[in-house]
C-alpha cells in the first residue's frame, strides 16, 4: 500500500500501524509528533491506529537549539 510520508511516496505493508512506522524510522520513539491527513495522532493511539492507502503522514522530530 502507498502512503505519503513527509511529502514522499512510501510503500508499506497493508496492515501497518503508526507505532510500527515510528519504530521503523525512529527506534527510540522520543521527541516525535505524528499527524495523519493534518490531524495530530496522540501517542496513546499509535499502537492501534491503522494506516490507510494514500494517508498523508507528517512526522516531526523535536530539536534543541538556542
N, C-alpha and C. Protein backbone atom coordinates (compact mmCIF):
# COMPACT_ATOMS: atom_id res chain seq x y z
N UNK A 1 0.86 -1.17 0.00
CA UNK A 1 0.00 0.00 0.00
C UNK A 1 0.90 1.23 0.00
N UNK A 2 0.43 2.28 -0.61
CA UNK A 2 1.21 3.52 -0.71
C UNK A 2 0.68 4.56 0.28
N UNK A 3 1.62 5.20 0.99
CA UNK A 3 1.31 6.34 1.83
C UNK A 3 2.21 7.49 1.39
N UNK A 4 1.90 8.68 1.86
CA UNK A 4 2.75 9.84 1.61
C UNK A 4 3.35 10.22 2.96
N UNK A 5 4.67 10.09 3.07
CA UNK A 5 5.38 10.35 4.31
C UNK A 5 6.26 11.57 4.13
N UNK A 6 5.91 12.66 4.83
CA UNK A 6 6.65 13.92 4.72
C UNK A 6 6.86 14.31 3.25
N UNK A 7 5.80 14.16 2.45
CA UNK A 7 5.83 14.59 1.06
C UNK A 7 6.40 13.58 0.08
N UNK A 8 6.85 12.42 0.56
CA UNK A 8 7.45 11.40 -0.30
C UNK A 8 6.59 10.13 -0.28
N UNK A 9 6.37 9.54 -1.46
CA UNK A 9 5.62 8.28 -1.53
C UNK A 9 6.44 7.17 -0.88
N UNK A 10 5.76 6.29 -0.15
CA UNK A 10 6.42 5.17 0.52
C UNK A 10 5.50 3.97 0.46
N UNK A 11 6.06 2.81 0.14
CA UNK A 11 5.30 1.57 0.14
C UNK A 11 5.44 0.89 1.49
N UNK A 12 4.32 0.45 2.05
CA UNK A 12 4.33 -0.26 3.33
C UNK A 12 3.39 -1.45 3.22
N UNK A 13 3.45 -2.32 4.23
CA UNK A 13 2.54 -3.47 4.28
C UNK A 13 1.10 -2.99 4.43
N UNK A 14 0.16 -3.81 4.01
CA UNK A 14 -1.26 -3.44 4.06
C UNK A 14 -1.72 -3.21 5.49
N UNK A 15 -1.28 -4.03 6.42
CA UNK A 15 -1.66 -3.84 7.82
C UNK A 15 -0.46 -3.24 8.55
N UNK A 16 -0.49 -1.95 8.74
CA UNK A 16 0.63 -1.23 9.34
C UNK A 16 0.06 -0.17 10.26
N UNK A 17 0.65 -0.06 11.44
CA UNK A 17 0.17 0.94 12.39
C UNK A 17 1.14 2.11 12.45
N UNK A 18 0.67 3.20 13.03
CA UNK A 18 1.52 4.36 13.25
C UNK A 18 2.72 3.95 14.11
N UNK A 19 2.47 3.15 15.14
CA UNK A 19 3.55 2.70 16.02
C UNK A 19 4.63 1.94 15.27
N UNK A 20 4.23 1.08 14.34
CA UNK A 20 5.21 0.33 13.55
C UNK A 20 6.03 1.27 12.68
N UNK A 21 5.38 2.24 12.07
CA UNK A 21 6.08 3.20 11.22
C UNK A 21 7.09 4.01 12.03
N UNK A 22 6.66 4.52 13.16
CA UNK A 22 7.56 5.32 14.00
C UNK A 22 8.73 4.47 14.48
N UNK A 23 8.46 3.24 14.90
CA UNK A 23 9.53 2.35 15.39
C UNK A 23 10.55 2.05 14.30
N UNK A 24 10.07 1.92 13.08
CA UNK A 24 10.97 1.64 11.95
C UNK A 24 11.89 2.83 11.67
N UNK A 25 11.34 4.02 11.72
CA UNK A 25 12.10 5.22 11.35
C UNK A 25 12.86 5.84 12.52
N UNK A 26 12.30 5.75 13.72
CA UNK A 26 12.89 6.35 14.91
C UNK A 26 12.79 5.34 16.06
N UNK A 27 13.75 4.42 16.15
CA UNK A 27 13.65 3.35 17.16
C UNK A 27 13.40 3.82 18.59
N UNK A 28 13.94 4.97 18.99
CA UNK A 28 13.71 5.42 20.36
C UNK A 28 12.29 5.93 20.56
N UNK A 29 11.69 6.46 19.50
CA UNK A 29 10.32 6.97 19.57
C UNK A 29 10.17 8.23 20.41
N UNK A 30 11.29 8.82 20.82
CA UNK A 30 11.22 10.00 21.68
C UNK A 30 11.28 11.28 20.85
N UNK A 31 10.51 12.27 21.27
CA UNK A 31 10.54 13.57 20.61
C UNK A 31 9.90 13.57 19.25
N UNK A 32 8.94 12.68 19.02
CA UNK A 32 8.28 12.56 17.72
C UNK A 32 6.82 12.98 17.85
N UNK A 33 6.35 13.71 16.85
CA UNK A 33 4.92 14.03 16.74
C UNK A 33 4.45 13.50 15.39
N UNK A 34 3.21 13.02 15.36
CA UNK A 34 2.65 12.43 14.15
C UNK A 34 1.32 13.09 13.81
N UNK A 35 1.16 13.44 12.55
CA UNK A 35 -0.13 13.92 12.04
C UNK A 35 -0.49 13.08 10.82
N UNK A 36 -1.74 12.71 10.73
CA UNK A 36 -2.25 11.99 9.57
C UNK A 36 -3.36 12.83 8.96
N UNK A 37 -3.18 13.15 7.70
CA UNK A 37 -4.14 13.98 6.99
C UNK A 37 -4.45 15.26 7.77
N UNK A 38 -3.39 15.85 8.30
CA UNK A 38 -3.41 17.13 9.01
C UNK A 38 -4.10 17.09 10.37
N UNK A 39 -4.25 15.88 10.94
CA UNK A 39 -4.79 15.74 12.29
C UNK A 39 -3.76 15.05 13.16
N UNK A 40 -3.44 15.65 14.29
CA UNK A 40 -2.45 15.08 15.20
C UNK A 40 -2.99 13.77 15.78
N UNK A 41 -2.10 12.78 15.85
CA UNK A 41 -2.45 11.48 16.42
C UNK A 41 -1.75 11.37 17.77
N UNK A 42 -2.51 11.27 18.86
CA UNK A 42 -1.90 11.15 20.19
C UNK A 42 -1.05 9.88 20.28
N UNK A 43 0.04 9.96 21.01
CA UNK A 43 0.95 8.82 21.14
C UNK A 43 0.23 7.59 21.68
N UNK A 44 -0.78 7.78 22.51
CA UNK A 44 -1.52 6.64 23.07
C UNK A 44 -2.25 5.84 22.00
N UNK A 45 -2.50 6.44 20.83
CA UNK A 45 -3.20 5.76 19.74
C UNK A 45 -2.25 5.10 18.73
N UNK A 46 -0.95 5.39 18.82
CA UNK A 46 0.00 4.86 17.84
C UNK A 46 -0.05 3.35 17.69
N UNK A 47 -0.12 2.56 18.79
CA UNK A 47 -0.08 1.11 18.62
C UNK A 47 -1.28 0.52 17.88
N UNK A 48 -2.42 1.21 17.91
CA UNK A 48 -3.63 0.64 17.31
C UNK A 48 -4.11 1.38 16.07
N UNK A 49 -3.61 2.56 15.82
CA UNK A 49 -4.06 3.36 14.67
C UNK A 49 -3.51 2.80 13.37
N UNK A 50 -4.39 2.21 12.56
CA UNK A 50 -4.01 1.62 11.28
C UNK A 50 -3.85 2.70 10.23
N UNK A 51 -2.86 2.53 9.36
CA UNK A 51 -2.68 3.44 8.24
C UNK A 51 -3.54 2.97 7.08
N UNK A 52 -3.99 3.91 6.27
CA UNK A 52 -4.84 3.62 5.11
C UNK A 52 -4.13 4.06 3.84
N UNK A 53 -4.51 3.47 2.69
CA UNK A 53 -3.89 3.89 1.44
C UNK A 53 -4.01 5.39 1.23
N UNK A 54 -2.93 5.98 0.75
CA UNK A 54 -2.84 7.41 0.43
C UNK A 54 -2.92 8.34 1.63
N UNK A 55 -2.80 7.80 2.86
CA UNK A 55 -2.72 8.68 4.02
C UNK A 55 -1.53 9.62 3.84
N UNK A 56 -1.71 10.87 4.21
CA UNK A 56 -0.62 11.83 4.20
C UNK A 56 -0.13 11.98 5.63
N UNK A 57 1.07 11.47 5.88
CA UNK A 57 1.62 11.41 7.22
C UNK A 57 2.76 12.40 7.35
N UNK A 58 2.72 13.17 8.42
CA UNK A 58 3.81 14.09 8.73
C UNK A 58 4.42 13.66 10.04
N UNK A 59 5.73 13.39 10.00
CA UNK A 59 6.48 13.07 11.21
C UNK A 59 7.39 14.24 11.52
N UNK A 60 7.31 14.72 12.74
CA UNK A 60 8.12 15.86 13.16
C UNK A 60 8.96 15.43 14.34
N UNK A 61 10.25 15.77 14.31
CA UNK A 61 11.13 15.47 15.43
C UNK A 61 11.49 16.75 16.16
N UNK A 62 11.51 16.66 17.48
CA UNK A 62 11.90 17.81 18.29
C UNK A 62 13.40 17.98 18.22
N UNK A 63 13.84 19.23 18.19
CA UNK A 63 15.26 19.53 18.20
C UNK A 63 15.55 20.55 19.28
N UNK A 64 16.77 20.52 19.75
CA UNK A 64 17.18 21.52 20.74
C UNK A 64 17.98 22.60 20.03
N UNK A 65 17.88 23.75 20.56
CA UNK A 65 18.63 24.86 19.98
C UNK A 65 18.49 26.10 20.84
N UNK A 66 19.16 27.12 20.43
CA UNK A 66 19.10 28.32 21.25
C UNK A 66 18.94 29.57 20.48
